[in-house]
Amino acid sequence: MIKLPAPQLNAVEVFNDCVRGFASAELREKFFSVSADFYSSFKEYSQKASAAELHGFRACAHGGREQRINGEITKGDLYALYNSQMVPEGCAGRSHYNLLMISAPLNKCPYCGIGRVSTLDHYLSKSRYPAFAVLPENLVPACADCNKVKGGGVFEADSATLHPYFEPVAIFRECWLKAEVHNQSPVVVSFKVIPPHAWEEALKKRIVNHFEDFELARRFSVEAASEIASIEAIFQIMHGPEDKKTHVANTAQAEFRLNSNSWKAAMYSALSKSDWFFV
């Protein structure tokens, strides 16, 4: 996972810009009449997310666009706030959408670290938590694969995954992603999560959930297979196992400096310790 800085966008301004974009004066008035409640819930979101307690929010029922979420505001109204006033080109909130989309370094999905950002994911799903439909801190730039896999169910503590904006720095300073080289041809590298023993159990659980829910073991192994093919091509122009070991060890160090828990860092570290790979 890649940590992202929390959005610098003002949640109130984003909400107001999107509401003002509605052509219907009646709908605008309906939103602004309960705007203070939305502003309060935005602050609460930040507080709960920082404490890993987003499961404390009550989820609305599945489906039912006519469900009332706040006063006269329905789920369908909140869908429209995002779908018609934040996403389309030229709409009132599109500039905010664009800033969120480009916030991921190198356009890489923060959930998996390999996919290209192509959408915004609602960390708390829009279907169950529509009040946060346009809240910047709930909108994560993501790849299509991660957005599809994540789904939109009720958010619970036992099934929580990592939040790119709010996780502690320990996740990025300590190593928890490991790789194993399987001595077969073609070479196969598998991946697993081993959280540091000293971490809180809730954080360990989120790491494991994240790895499993986003199917990262499979996706990382696919990436590793392609990378190994490139390594083997490079080996063809090297002289002897020592040169090969030096190349792999140096690459492992470089990848760890970039991201100690990337699939590349884990893979190159495992390869550097495998005598079989250099024969």
Protein backbone atom coordinates (compact mmCIF):
# COMPACT_ATOMS: atom_id res chain seq x y z
CA MET A 1 0.00 0.00 0.00
CA ILE A 2 1.06 3.58 -0.64
CA LYS A 3 0.32 6.21 1.99
CA LEU A 4 -1.24 9.40 0.71
CA PRO A 5 -1.33 12.74 2.51
CA ALA A 6 -4.84 13.65 3.60
CA PRO A 7 -6.52 15.88 1.00
CA GLN A 8 -5.97 19.57 1.54
CA LEU A 9 -9.37 20.33 0.04
CA ASN A 10 -11.86 22.00 2.38
CA ALA A 11 -14.73 19.56 2.84
CA VAL A 12 -17.29 22.33 3.38
CA GLU A 13 -16.24 24.14 0.20
CA VAL A 14 -16.40 20.94 -1.83
CA PHE A 15 -19.87 20.16 -0.50
CA ASN A 16 -21.14 23.70 -1.13
CA ASP A 17 -19.69 23.85 -4.64
CA CYS A 18 -21.41 20.60 -5.57
CA VAL A 19 -24.73 21.70 -4.09
CA ARG A 20 -24.62 25.02 -5.93
CA GLY A 21 -24.23 23.10 -9.16
CA PHE A 22 -27.80 21.77 -9.02
CA ALA A 23 -30.14 23.54 -11.41
CA SER A 24 -33.06 23.04 -9.03
CA ALA A 25 -33.35 25.84 -6.47
CA GLU A 26 -35.58 23.57 -4.42
CA LEU A 27 -32.89 20.87 -4.26
CA ARG A 28 -30.20 23.40 -3.38
CA GLU A 29 -32.35 24.76 -0.55
CA LYS A 30 -33.06 21.25 0.67
CA PHE A 31 -29.33 20.56 0.99
CA PHE A 32 -28.40 23.89 2.54
CA SER A 33 -31.18 23.59 5.14
CA VAL A 34 -29.31 20.67 6.74
CA SER A 35 -25.78 21.63 5.72
CA ALA A 36 -24.67 22.10 9.36
CA ASP A 37 -25.38 18.41 9.99
CA PHE A 38 -23.21 17.42 7.05
CA TYR A 39 -20.39 19.70 8.19
CA SER A 40 -20.52 18.10 11.63
CA SER A 41 -20.41 14.58 10.19
CA PHE A 42 -17.37 15.52 8.09
CA LYS A 43 -15.46 16.49 11.24
CA GLU A 44 -16.59 13.30 12.92
CA TYR A 45 -15.32 11.27 9.96
CA SER A 46 -11.82 12.71 10.35
CA GLN A 47 -11.84 11.99 14.08
CA LYS A 48 -13.05 8.43 13.69
CA ALA A 49 -10.72 7.69 10.77
CA SER A 50 -7.71 8.92 12.75
CA ALA A 51 -8.68 6.54 15.55
CA ALA A 52 -9.50 3.64 13.17
CA GLU A 53 -13.12 3.77 14.34
CA LEU A 54 -15.04 4.37 11.12
CA HIS A 55 -17.07 1.28 11.93
CA GLY A 56 -18.82 3.52 14.48
CA PHE A 57 -20.90 5.13 11.74
CA ARG A 58 -24.33 3.63 11.20
CA ALA A 59 -24.84 2.20 7.73
CA CYS A 60 -28.06 2.86 5.85
CA ALA A 61 -30.09 0.04 4.31
CA HIS A 62 -29.08 -1.56 1.04
CA GLY A 63 -30.75 -0.09 -2.05
CA GLY A 64 -33.69 2.26 -1.73
CA ARG A 65 -32.76 5.53 -3.38
CA GLU A 66 -35.76 7.14 -1.64
CA GLN A 67 -34.36 6.46 1.84
CA ARG A 68 -34.12 9.68 3.80
CA ILE A 69 -30.59 10.23 5.05
CA ASN A 70 -30.86 13.70 6.57
CA GLY A 71 -34.09 15.69 6.76
CA GLU A 72 -35.58 15.65 3.28
CA ILE A 73 -32.30 14.56 1.66
CA THR A 74 -32.55 11.08 0.16
CA LYS A 75 -29.90 8.59 -0.84
CA GLY A 76 -30.73 9.38 -4.46
CA ASP A 77 -30.05 13.08 -3.83
CA LEU A 78 -26.62 12.23 -2.44
CA TYR A 79 -25.88 9.93 -5.37
CA ALA A 80 -26.68 12.86 -7.65
CA LEU A 81 -24.46 15.17 -5.61
CA TYR A 82 -21.49 12.98 -6.55
CA ASN A 83 -22.52 11.52 -9.90
CA SER A 84 -23.79 14.72 -11.50
CA GLN A 85 -21.96 17.47 -9.63
CA MET A 86 -18.47 16.02 -9.04
CA VAL A 87 -17.70 13.47 -11.74
CA PRO A 88 -18.76 14.87 -15.16
CA GLU A 89 -16.41 17.20 -17.02
CA GLY A 90 -17.46 20.81 -16.56
CA CYS A 91 -19.65 20.21 -13.51
CA ALA A 92 -19.44 22.33 -10.35
CA GLY A 93 -17.19 19.99 -8.36
CA ARG A 94 -15.04 18.57 -11.15
CA SER A 95 -11.98 20.65 -10.20
CA HIS A 96 -12.00 18.98 -6.77
CA TYR A 97 -12.37 15.56 -8.40
CA ASN A 98 -9.36 16.27 -10.61
CA LEU A 99 -7.17 17.29 -7.69
CA LEU A 100 -7.98 14.06 -5.87
CA MET A 101 -7.30 11.99 -8.98
CA ILE A 102 -3.78 13.37 -9.40
CA SER A 103 -2.85 13.07 -5.71
CA ALA A 104 -1.45 9.54 -6.06
CA PRO A 105 2.33 9.56 -6.75
CA LEU A 106 3.22 8.34 -10.26
CA ASN A 107 -0.50 7.74 -10.84
CA LYS A 108 -0.23 4.44 -8.90
CA CYS A 109 -3.19 3.06 -6.98
CA PRO A 110 -2.49 3.37 -3.24
CA TYR A 111 -4.42 0.20 -2.42
CA CYS A 112 -2.27 -2.16 -4.50
CA GLY A 113 0.70 -0.06 -5.62
CA ILE A 114 0.63 -1.54 -9.13
CA GLY A 115 -2.56 -0.42 -10.91
CA ARG A 116 -3.04 2.90 -12.69
CA VAL A 117 -5.43 5.36 -11.03
CA SER A 118 -8.60 5.60 -13.12
CA THR A 119 -11.36 6.40 -10.62
CA LEU A 120 -12.15 7.62 -7.12
CA ASP A 121 -13.12 4.97 -4.61
CA HIS A 122 -15.47 5.72 -1.72
CA TYR A 123 -13.61 4.24 1.26
CA LEU A 124 -16.93 4.09 3.10
CA SER A 125 -19.20 3.01 0.28
CA LYS A 126 -21.59 5.47 -1.28
CA SER A 127 -24.37 2.89 -1.12
CA ARG A 128 -24.13 2.40 2.65
CA TYR A 129 -22.73 5.78 3.76
CA PRO A 130 -24.07 8.28 1.20
CA ALA A 131 -23.56 11.25 3.57
CA PHE A 132 -19.85 11.04 2.68
CA ALA A 133 -20.40 10.91 -1.07
CA VAL A 134 -18.33 14.04 -1.77
CA LEU A 135 -16.16 14.15 1.36
CA PRO A 136 -12.53 14.41 0.12
CA GLU A 137 -11.15 12.28 2.95
CA ASN A 138 -13.49 9.47 1.92
CA LEU A 139 -12.47 9.62 -1.76
CA VAL A 140 -9.36 7.62 -2.64
CA PRO A 141 -7.77 7.63 -6.12
CA ALA A 142 -7.73 3.98 -7.16
CA CYS A 143 -7.34 1.58 -10.05
CA ALA A 144 -10.36 -0.11 -11.59
CA ASP A 145 -9.37 -3.54 -10.24
CA CYS A 146 -9.20 -2.38 -6.62
CA ASN A 147 -12.38 -0.37 -6.93
CA LYS A 148 -14.21 -3.41 -8.28
CA VAL A 149 -12.84 -5.87 -5.71
CA LYS A 150 -13.51 -3.63 -2.74
CA GLY A 151 -17.28 -3.74 -3.02
CA GLY A 152 -19.75 -1.62 -1.08
CA GLY A 153 -20.85 -3.46 2.04
CA VAL A 154 -21.28 -2.41 5.66
CA PHE A 155 -17.98 -1.31 7.18
CA GLU A 156 -17.06 -3.38 10.24
CA ALA A 157 -14.00 -3.39 12.50
CA ASP A 158 -13.16 -7.05 11.83
CA SER A 159 -13.24 -6.59 8.06
CA ALA A 160 -11.62 -3.15 7.80
CA THR A 161 -8.83 -2.62 5.29
CA LEU A 162 -6.07 0.00 5.27
CA HIS A 163 -7.05 3.64 4.76
CA PRO A 164 -4.39 5.39 2.60
CA TYR A 165 -4.96 8.75 4.31
CA PHE A 166 -5.07 7.71 7.96
CA GLU A 167 -2.80 4.75 8.71
CA PRO A 168 0.05 5.18 11.26
CA VAL A 169 3.58 5.76 9.99
CA ALA A 170 4.64 2.38 11.40
CA ILE A 171 3.07 0.74 8.36
CA PHE A 172 5.58 2.49 6.14
CA ARG A 173 8.64 2.27 8.37
CA GLU A 174 8.51 -1.40 9.32
CA CYS A 175 8.60 -4.35 6.97
CA TRP A 176 5.57 -6.65 6.86
CA LEU A 177 5.43 -7.92 3.27
CA LYS A 178 7.51 -11.06 2.64
CA ALA A 179 8.23 -13.09 -0.48
CA GLU A 180 9.31 -16.68 -1.06
CA VAL A 181 11.14 -18.05 -4.11
CA HIS A 182 9.95 -21.48 -5.23
CA ASN A 183 12.70 -23.52 -6.84
CA GLN A 184 10.99 -24.47 -10.07
CA SER A 185 11.06 -23.49 -13.71
CA PRO A 186 9.67 -21.04 -14.58
CA VAL A 187 10.49 -19.36 -11.28
CA VAL A 188 7.52 -18.62 -9.03
CA VAL A 189 7.51 -16.06 -6.25
CA SER A 190 4.74 -16.06 -3.66
CA PHE A 191 3.88 -13.33 -1.16
CA LYS A 192 2.50 -13.17 2.36
CA VAL A 193 1.97 -10.73 5.20
CA ILE A 194 3.80 -11.06 8.51
CA PRO A 195 2.94 -8.05 10.70
CA PRO A 196 5.48 -7.07 13.38
CA HIS A 197 4.67 -8.75 16.69
CA ALA A 198 4.56 -5.47 18.63
CA TRP A 199 1.75 -3.98 16.52
CA GLU A 200 -1.77 -3.65 17.90
CA GLU A 201 -4.01 -6.54 16.94
CA ALA A 202 -6.43 -4.24 15.10
CA LEU A 203 -3.65 -2.95 12.86
CA LYS A 204 -2.42 -6.50 12.17
CA LYS A 205 -5.96 -7.45 11.21
CA ARG A 206 -6.32 -4.51 8.80
CA ILE A 207 -3.04 -5.43 7.10
CA VAL A 208 -4.14 -9.03 6.60
CA ASN A 209 -7.63 -8.02 5.48
CA HIS A 210 -6.17 -5.58 2.97
CA PHE A 211 -3.81 -8.17 1.50
CA GLU A 212 -6.58 -10.76 1.17
CA ASP A 213 -9.46 -8.55 0.07
CA PHE A 214 -7.49 -6.90 -2.73
CA GLU A 215 -6.10 -10.31 -3.83
CA LEU A 216 -2.56 -9.00 -3.59
CA ALA A 217 -0.87 -12.40 -3.30
CA ARG A 218 -2.09 -13.35 -6.77
CA ARG A 219 -1.58 -9.92 -8.31
CA PHE A 220 1.94 -9.55 -6.92
CA SER A 221 2.92 -13.01 -8.17
CA VAL A 222 1.81 -12.06 -11.67
CA GLU A 223 3.92 -8.89 -11.52
CA ALA A 224 6.87 -10.88 -10.17
CA ALA A 225 6.72 -13.38 -13.04
CA SER A 226 7.09 -10.57 -15.57
CA GLU A 227 9.94 -8.98 -13.61
CA ILE A 228 11.82 -12.28 -13.33
CA ALA A 229 11.67 -12.71 -17.10
CA SER A 230 13.45 -9.35 -17.39
CA ILE A 231 16.01 -10.31 -14.75
CA GLU A 232 16.82 -13.55 -16.57
CA ALA A 233 17.33 -11.59 -19.79
CA ILE A 234 19.78 -9.30 -17.98
CA PHE A 235 21.59 -12.35 -16.56
CA GLN A 236 22.38 -13.44 -20.12
CA ILE A 237 24.84 -10.54 -20.47
CA MET A 238 26.44 -10.98 -17.05
CA HIS A 239 29.52 -13.01 -16.20
CA GLY A 240 29.06 -15.51 -13.42
CA PRO A 241 26.83 -15.81 -10.33
CA GLU A 242 28.64 -13.13 -8.34
CA ASP A 243 27.73 -10.40 -10.83
CA LYS A 244 24.15 -11.62 -10.78
CA LYS A 245 24.02 -11.64 -6.98
CA THR A 246 25.44 -8.12 -6.85
CA HIS A 247 22.85 -6.86 -9.32
CA VAL A 248 19.93 -8.39 -7.42
CA ALA A 249 21.23 -7.27 -4.01
CA ASN A 250 21.72 -3.70 -5.21
CA THR A 251 18.25 -3.64 -6.72
CA ALA A 252 16.78 -4.96 -3.47
CA GLN A 253 18.39 -2.10 -1.53
CA ALA A 254 17.13 0.45 -4.03
CA GLU A 255 13.56 -0.91 -3.92
CA PHE A 256 13.58 -0.89 -0.11
CA ARG A 257 14.53 2.76 -0.13
CA LEU A 258 11.58 3.52 -2.40
CA ASN A 259 9.03 1.42 -0.50
CA SER A 260 10.03 -1.26 2.00
CA ASN A 261 6.69 -3.03 1.54
CA SER A 262 6.41 -3.04 -2.22
CA TRP A 263 6.22 -6.35 -4.05
CA LYS A 264 9.51 -5.49 -5.76
CA ALA A 265 11.34 -4.89 -2.48
CA ALA A 266 10.04 -8.18 -1.07
CA MET A 267 10.78 -10.12 -4.25
CA TYR A 268 14.33 -8.84 -4.77
CA SER A 269 15.12 -9.42 -1.10
CA ALA A 270 13.96 -13.03 -1.39
CA LEU A 271 15.86 -13.56 -4.64
CA SER A 272 19.06 -12.16 -3.14
CA LYS A 273 18.93 -14.90 -0.47
CA SER A 274 18.27 -17.73 -2.91
CA ASP A 275 21.48 -19.50 -4.01
CA TRP A 276 19.40 -21.69 -6.32
CA PHE A 277 18.30 -18.69 -8.38
CA PHE A 278 21.87 -17.81 -9.37
CA VAL A 279 22.97 -21.27 -10.51
